Amino acid sequence: MKAMKNEKRSEYVTRDSILMLLSDNENGSVSNAETAPRLLEGDEYIDLDQIQQGVQRALGATPPMGQVLPRKAVHANTWGKILAQLAVRTGAVTNVGK
């Protein structure tokens, strides 16, 4: 049970640390993206509720827009920092779109 709590806490720390990498403008872009009905097919994103899955590509049904971080909502530099954090903190696969 304790390991489960630590794992959950680790996921939240990762989510928070990823969101802290965003600039004010990027936060605005992400907020605007949340109002979109869905991602376009092929769009890359991170499901902030399933961070351990790493970068994913939209194919059909995707998670609700309020829990995804679309790649197109952030600058390339920021996306690179996010990928680095994913690799270090979760060991998630981050080679989508490279």
C-alpha atoms as a PDB file:
ATOM      1  CA  MET A   1       0.000   0.000   0.000  1.00  0.00           C
ATOM      2  CA  LYS A   2       2.817   2.410   0.900  1.00  0.00           C
ATOM      3  CA  ALA A   3       4.574   1.725  -2.434  1.00  0.00           C
ATOM      4  CA  MET A   4       1.336   2.616  -4.246  1.00  0.00           C
ATOM      5  CA  LYS A   5       1.138   5.953  -2.395  1.00  0.00           C
ATOM      6  CA  ASN A   6       4.776   6.751  -3.251  1.00  0.00           C
ATOM      7  CA  GLU A   7       4.150   5.835  -6.903  1.00  0.00           C
ATOM      8  CA  LYS A   8       1.092   8.134  -7.042  1.00  0.00           C
ATOM      9  CA  ARG A   9       3.022  10.931  -5.339  1.00  0.00           C
ATOM     10  CA  SER A  10       5.841  10.488  -7.855  1.00  0.00           C
ATOM     11  CA  GLU A  11       3.348  10.815 -10.730  1.00  0.00           C
ATOM     12  CA  TYR A  12       1.968  14.053  -9.275  1.00  0.00           C
ATOM     13  CA  VAL A  13       5.421  15.471  -8.732  1.00  0.00           C
ATOM     14  CA  THR A  14       6.206  14.660 -12.355  1.00  0.00           C
ATOM     15  CA  ARG A  15       2.963  16.241 -13.563  1.00  0.00           C
ATOM     16  CA  ASP A  16       3.623  19.362 -11.503  1.00  0.00           C
ATOM     17  CA  SER A  17       7.251  19.554 -12.567  1.00  0.00           C
ATOM     18  CA  ILE A  18       6.229  19.279 -16.213  1.00  0.00           C
ATOM     19  CA  LEU A  19       3.633  22.025 -15.877  1.00  0.00           C
ATOM     20  CA  MET A  20       6.188  24.247 -14.133  1.00  0.00           C
ATOM     21  CA  LEU A  21       8.343  24.153 -17.285  1.00  0.00           C
ATOM     22  CA  LEU A  22       5.676  26.052 -19.238  1.00  0.00           C
ATOM     23  CA  SER A  23       5.975  29.788 -19.812  1.00  0.00           C
ATOM     24  CA  ASP A  24       2.983  32.068 -19.248  1.00  0.00           C
ATOM     25  CA  ASN A  25       2.321  32.085 -23.005  1.00  0.00           C
ATOM     26  CA  GLU A  26       2.487  28.288 -23.151  1.00  0.00           C
ATOM     27  CA  ASN A  27       0.108  28.006 -20.206  1.00  0.00           C
ATOM     28  CA  GLY A  28      -2.297  30.161 -22.214  1.00  0.00           C
ATOM     29  CA  SER A  29      -1.860  27.924 -25.262  1.00  0.00           C
ATOM     30  CA  VAL A  30      -2.526  24.829 -23.189  1.00  0.00           C
ATOM     31  CA  SER A  31      -5.630  26.460 -21.710  1.00  0.00           C
ATOM     32  CA  ASN A  32      -6.866  27.277 -25.215  1.00  0.00           C
ATOM     33  CA  ALA A  33      -6.136  23.721 -26.343  1.00  0.00           C
ATOM     34  CA  GLU A  34      -8.343  22.427 -23.523  1.00  0.00           C
ATOM     35  CA  THR A  35     -11.342  24.048 -25.209  1.00  0.00           C
ATOM     36  CA  ALA A  36     -10.750  22.161 -28.470  1.00  0.00           C
ATOM     37  CA  PRO A  37     -13.105  19.224 -28.999  1.00  0.00           C
ATOM     38  CA  ARG A  38     -10.212  16.773 -29.526  1.00  0.00           C
ATOM     39  CA  LEU A  39      -6.718  16.386 -30.925  1.00  0.00           C
ATOM     40  CA  LEU A  40      -6.249  15.911 -34.634  1.00  0.00           C
ATOM     41  CA  GLU A  41      -5.170  12.487 -35.834  1.00  0.00           C
ATOM     42  CA  GLY A  42      -1.388  12.202 -35.563  1.00  0.00           C
ATOM     43  CA  ASP A  43      -1.005  14.993 -32.967  1.00  0.00           C
ATOM     44  CA  GLU A  44       1.504  14.160 -30.245  1.00  0.00           C
ATOM     45  CA  TYR A  45       0.543  14.625 -26.612  1.00  0.00           C
ATOM     46  CA  ILE A  46       1.216  13.605 -23.052  1.00  0.00           C
ATOM     47  CA  ASP A  47      -1.696  12.350 -20.976  1.00  0.00           C
ATOM     48  CA  LEU A  48      -1.074  14.173 -17.692  1.00  0.00           C
ATOM     49  CA  ASP A  49      -3.072  11.509 -15.835  1.00  0.00           C
ATOM     50  CA  GLN A  50      -1.012   8.691 -17.402  1.00  0.00           C
ATOM     51  CA  ILE A  51       2.441  10.287 -17.590  1.00  0.00           C
ATOM     52  CA  GLN A  52       4.222   6.941 -17.319  1.00  0.00           C
ATOM     53  CA  GLN A  53       2.933   6.142 -20.847  1.00  0.00           C
ATOM     54  CA  GLY A  54       5.154   8.895 -22.236  1.00  0.00           C
ATOM     55  CA  VAL A  55       4.483  10.684 -25.504  1.00  0.00           C
ATOM     56  CA  GLN A  56       1.492   9.368 -27.394  1.00  0.00           C
ATOM     57  CA  ARG A  57       0.064  10.008 -30.836  1.00  0.00           C
ATOM     58  CA  ALA A  58      -3.638  10.748 -31.301  1.00  0.00           C
ATOM     59  CA  LEU A  59      -5.278   7.884 -33.137  1.00  0.00           C
ATOM     60  CA  GLY A  60      -9.047   7.939 -32.822  1.00  0.00           C
ATOM     61  CA  ALA A  61     -10.225   8.350 -29.226  1.00  0.00           C
ATOM     62  CA  THR A  62      -7.953  10.369 -26.956  1.00  0.00           C
ATOM     63  CA  PRO A  63      -8.247  11.331 -23.282  1.00  0.00           C
ATOM     64  CA  PRO A  64     -10.343  14.406 -22.425  1.00  0.00           C
ATOM     65  CA  MET A  65      -8.611  17.597 -23.541  1.00  0.00           C
ATOM     66  CA  GLY A  66      -8.365  18.863 -19.951  1.00  0.00           C
ATOM     67  CA  GLN A  67      -5.849  16.152 -19.076  1.00  0.00           C
ATOM     68  CA  VAL A  68      -3.578  16.262 -22.128  1.00  0.00           C
ATOM     69  CA  LEU A  69      -0.585  18.410 -22.948  1.00  0.00           C
ATOM     70  CA  PRO A  70      -0.484  18.707 -26.747  1.00  0.00           C
ATOM     71  CA  ARG A  71       2.965  19.078 -28.265  1.00  0.00           C
ATOM     72  CA  LYS A  72       1.708  21.857 -30.529  1.00  0.00           C
ATOM     73  CA  ALA A  73       0.764  23.959 -27.461  1.00  0.00           C
ATOM     74  CA  VAL A  74       4.394  24.389 -26.344  1.00  0.00           C
ATOM     75  CA  HIS A  75       7.649  25.585 -27.905  1.00  0.00           C
ATOM     76  CA  ALA A  76      10.151  23.029 -29.191  1.00  0.00           C
ATOM     77  CA  ASN A  77      12.617  23.951 -26.401  1.00  0.00           C
ATOM     78  CA  THR A  78      10.000  23.327 -23.736  1.00  0.00           C
ATOM     79  CA  TRP A  79       8.955  20.035 -25.352  1.00  0.00           C
ATOM     80  CA  GLY A  80      12.592  18.922 -25.208  1.00  0.00           C
ATOM     81  CA  LYS A  81      12.768  19.761 -21.489  1.00  0.00           C
ATOM     82  CA  ILE A  82       9.548  17.830 -20.913  1.00  0.00           C
ATOM     83  CA  LEU A  83      10.950  14.788 -22.731  1.00  0.00           C
ATOM     84  CA  ALA A  84      14.090  14.968 -20.602  1.00  0.00           C
ATOM     85  CA  GLN A  85      12.011  15.010 -17.403  1.00  0.00           C
ATOM     86  CA  LEU A  86       9.915  12.090 -18.617  1.00  0.00           C
ATOM     87  CA  ALA A  87      13.020  10.054 -19.325  1.00  0.00           C
ATOM     88  CA  VAL A  88      14.592  10.784 -15.941  1.00  0.00           C
ATOM     89  CA  ARG A  89      11.529  10.484 -13.737  1.00  0.00           C
ATOM     90  CA  THR A  90       9.483   7.743 -15.354  1.00  0.00           C
ATOM     91  CA  GLY A  91      11.684   5.951 -17.848  1.00  0.00           C
ATOM     92  CA  ALA A  92       8.883   6.582 -20.337  1.00  0.00           C
ATOM     93  CA  VAL A  93       9.481   6.208 -24.054  1.00  0.00           C
ATOM     94  CA  THR A  94      10.007   9.669 -25.516  1.00  0.00           C
ATOM     95  CA  ASN A  95      11.047   8.995 -29.090  1.00  0.00           C
ATOM     96  CA  VAL A  96       7.710   9.747 -30.773  1.00  0.00           C
ATOM     97  CA  GLY A  97       8.204  12.331 -33.462  1.00  0.00           C
ATOM     98  CA  LYS A  98      12.000  12.257 -33.488  1.00  0.00           C
END
